Amino acid sequence: MRIRIARPDELPLLQDIERAAGRCFHDVGMPEIADDDPPSLEELRRFQGAGLAWVAVDDSDSPVAYLLAEPIDAALHVEQVSVHPDAARRGVGRALLEHAAGVARESGATALTLTTFADVPWNAPYYERCGFRRLGEGELTPGLRAVREREAVLERWGRVCMGRDL
């Protein structure tokens, strides 16, 4: 599996990956999440332009998964990880997280952070298997608190902030 920066012409493909990956939320009674719109092209361009949108590509160099990140406080915050269902359960998401961890270390970040659903099997429990831990309220930085405020509408499904020290 090769990981590289997303190209501008691939951004609509990232939206397709997001839509396909989101469908599984129907299976856990979260249709609003399943049917939510993917990031806009404008938002994806912002991550891509900053060099913080990576894709995992197949043998034909076509994206099958992506990760978006942004610096928040002393960490690199994983804004989104999405894997197309056809590429799921092959270590693609983990490879993207490891790539982000390497970039974060090189930039001097002290941790990877993310917010996710606490009880969805491929969310918090998965990230725990990838070395993340749930952060207590007292561990939240100002930037993570701002992310939680921005995502407040998602709290009804049980959100959690997680971190992985580098």
Protein backbone atom coordinates (compact mmCIF):
# COMPACT_ATOMS: atom_id res chain seq x y z
CA MET A 1 0.00 0.00 0.00
CA ARG A 2 1.45 3.30 -1.07
CA ILE A 3 0.55 6.58 0.65
CA ARG A 4 1.02 9.98 -0.93
CA ILE A 5 -0.37 13.50 -0.92
CA ALA A 6 -3.77 13.75 -2.58
CA ARG A 7 -3.76 15.48 -5.96
CA PRO A 8 -6.26 18.28 -6.66
CA ASP A 9 -8.00 16.26 -9.38
CA GLU A 10 -8.65 13.43 -6.88
CA LEU A 11 -10.67 15.46 -4.40
CA PRO A 12 -14.05 14.37 -5.85
CA LEU A 13 -12.87 10.75 -5.40
CA LEU A 14 -12.30 11.48 -1.71
CA GLN A 15 -15.93 12.56 -1.47
CA ASP A 16 -16.97 9.25 -3.08
CA ILE A 17 -14.82 7.31 -0.59
CA GLU A 18 -16.45 9.23 2.27
CA ARG A 19 -19.96 8.48 1.02
CA ALA A 20 -19.18 4.77 0.60
CA ALA A 21 -17.44 4.50 3.98
CA GLY A 22 -20.28 6.31 5.72
CA ARG A 23 -22.95 3.85 4.62
CA CYS A 24 -22.00 1.43 7.41
CA PHE A 25 -23.38 3.89 9.98
CA HIS A 26 -26.85 2.73 8.90
CA ASP A 27 -25.97 -0.64 10.45
CA VAL A 28 -25.48 0.91 13.91
CA GLY A 29 -28.60 3.08 13.92
CA MET A 30 -26.92 6.33 12.89
CA PRO A 31 -28.61 7.17 9.56
CA GLU A 32 -27.96 10.90 9.99
CA ILE A 33 -24.23 10.19 10.03
CA ALA A 34 -24.51 7.72 7.15
CA ASP A 35 -26.32 10.27 5.01
CA ASP A 36 -24.19 13.27 6.00
CA ASP A 37 -22.47 15.11 3.18
CA PRO A 38 -18.74 14.54 2.74
CA PRO A 39 -16.32 17.44 3.17
CA SER A 40 -16.81 20.06 0.48
CA LEU A 41 -14.30 20.42 -2.33
CA GLU A 42 -13.32 23.77 -0.83
CA GLU A 43 -12.56 22.15 2.52
CA LEU A 44 -10.66 19.31 0.87
CA ARG A 45 -8.64 21.85 -1.16
CA ARG A 46 -7.63 23.56 2.08
CA PHE A 47 -6.18 20.33 3.49
CA GLN A 48 -4.64 19.32 0.17
CA GLY A 49 -3.09 22.75 -0.36
CA ALA A 50 -1.50 22.57 3.09
CA GLY A 51 -0.02 19.14 2.30
CA LEU A 52 -2.24 17.53 4.96
CA ALA A 53 -4.47 15.32 2.81
CA TRP A 54 -2.99 11.88 2.19
CA VAL A 55 -4.37 9.03 0.15
CA ALA A 56 -3.68 5.33 0.23
CA VAL A 57 -3.65 4.11 -3.37
CA ASP A 58 -4.13 0.75 -5.03
CA ASP A 59 -1.87 -0.82 -7.64
CA SER A 60 -3.26 1.49 -10.33
CA ASP A 61 -2.47 4.58 -8.19
CA SER A 62 -6.16 5.22 -7.50
CA PRO A 63 -7.17 6.36 -3.99
CA VAL A 64 -8.96 3.79 -1.83
CA ALA A 65 -8.72 5.73 1.45
CA TYR A 66 -7.72 9.13 2.77
CA LEU A 67 -6.70 10.99 5.90
CA LEU A 68 -7.03 14.71 6.60
CA ALA A 69 -5.05 16.39 9.38
CA GLU A 70 -4.30 19.80 10.80
CA PRO A 71 -1.97 21.13 13.47
CA ILE A 72 -3.80 21.87 16.71
CA ASP A 73 -1.81 23.10 19.66
CA ALA A 74 1.29 20.84 19.93
CA ALA A 75 -0.36 17.92 18.12
CA LEU A 76 -1.31 16.86 14.63
CA HIS A 77 -5.09 16.43 14.73
CA VAL A 78 -6.61 13.73 12.53
CA GLU A 79 -9.70 15.41 11.17
CA GLN A 80 -10.94 12.48 9.09
CA VAL A 81 -9.94 8.96 8.09
CA SER A 82 -12.09 7.18 5.54
CA VAL A 83 -11.50 3.83 3.88
CA HIS A 84 -13.62 2.61 0.99
CA PRO A 85 -15.44 -0.58 2.08
CA ASP A 86 -13.79 -2.51 -0.77
CA ALA A 87 -10.39 -1.82 0.85
CA ALA A 88 -11.49 -2.23 4.47
CA ARG A 89 -9.93 -4.67 6.96
CA ARG A 90 -6.58 -4.70 5.19
CA GLY A 91 -4.64 -2.30 7.42
CA VAL A 92 -5.19 0.70 5.15
CA GLY A 93 -6.53 2.97 7.90
CA ARG A 94 -3.73 1.97 10.23
CA ALA A 95 -1.15 2.65 7.50
CA LEU A 96 -2.58 6.14 7.03
CA LEU A 97 -2.42 6.75 10.79
CA GLU A 98 1.20 5.58 10.89
CA HIS A 99 2.03 7.88 8.00
CA ALA A 100 0.43 10.80 9.82
CA ALA A 101 2.37 9.89 12.97
CA GLY A 102 5.63 9.98 11.00
CA VAL A 103 4.81 13.38 9.52
CA ALA A 104 3.81 14.64 12.96
CA ARG A 105 7.09 13.47 14.52
CA GLU A 106 9.11 15.12 11.75
CA SER A 107 7.27 18.39 12.33
CA GLY A 108 7.92 18.30 16.08
CA ALA A 109 4.37 17.48 17.14
CA THR A 110 4.10 15.65 20.44
CA ALA A 111 0.94 13.66 19.70
CA LEU A 112 -1.74 12.67 17.26
CA THR A 113 -5.25 13.59 18.37
CA LEU A 114 -8.72 12.93 17.03
CA THR A 115 -12.36 12.98 17.99
CA THR A 116 -14.59 10.01 17.27
CA PHE A 117 -17.67 8.08 18.33
CA ALA A 118 -17.10 6.27 21.61
CA ASP A 119 -19.14 3.14 20.97
CA VAL A 120 -18.93 2.52 17.23
CA PRO A 121 -16.67 -0.53 16.76
CA TRP A 122 -14.64 0.97 13.91
CA ASN A 123 -14.21 4.26 15.80
CA ALA A 124 -12.91 4.55 19.40
CA PRO A 125 -12.33 0.80 19.95
CA TYR A 126 -10.39 0.65 16.66
CA TYR A 127 -8.28 3.69 17.52
CA GLU A 128 -7.47 2.15 20.90
CA ARG A 129 -6.06 -0.85 19.06
CA CYS A 130 -3.96 1.64 17.06
CA GLY A 131 -2.37 3.05 20.23
CA PHE A 132 -4.74 5.93 21.01
CA ARG A 133 -6.24 6.46 24.44
CA ARG A 134 -9.31 8.36 25.56
CA LEU A 135 -8.44 11.78 26.93
CA GLY A 136 -9.97 13.05 30.14
CA GLU A 137 -11.58 16.45 30.31
CA GLY A 138 -8.52 17.88 32.09
CA GLU A 139 -6.25 16.74 29.24
CA LEU A 140 -8.06 18.65 26.53
CA THR A 141 -6.09 21.52 25.04
CA PRO A 142 -7.78 24.74 23.96
CA GLY A 143 -7.69 23.54 20.36
CA LEU A 144 -9.35 20.22 21.19
CA ARG A 145 -12.02 22.05 23.19
CA ALA A 146 -12.69 24.17 20.09
CA VAL A 147 -13.02 21.03 17.96
CA ARG A 148 -15.53 19.60 20.44
CA GLU A 149 -17.53 22.82 20.32
CA ARG A 150 -17.51 22.72 16.51
CA GLU A 151 -18.73 19.10 16.65
CA ALA A 152 -21.28 19.63 19.44
CA VAL A 153 -24.15 18.43 17.23
CA LEU A 154 -22.51 14.96 17.24
CA GLU A 155 -22.44 14.66 21.04
CA ARG A 156 -25.79 12.90 21.15
CA TRP A 157 -24.07 9.79 19.77
CA GLY A 158 -21.28 9.91 22.35
CA ARG A 159 -18.10 11.57 21.16
CA VAL A 160 -14.68 11.17 22.72
CA CYS A 161 -11.34 12.91 22.28
CA MET A 162 -8.39 10.58 21.87
CA GLY A 163 -4.64 11.01 21.74
CA ARG A 164 -1.54 9.05 20.91
CA ASP A 165 1.76 10.28 22.26
CA LEU A 166 4.59 10.37 19.78
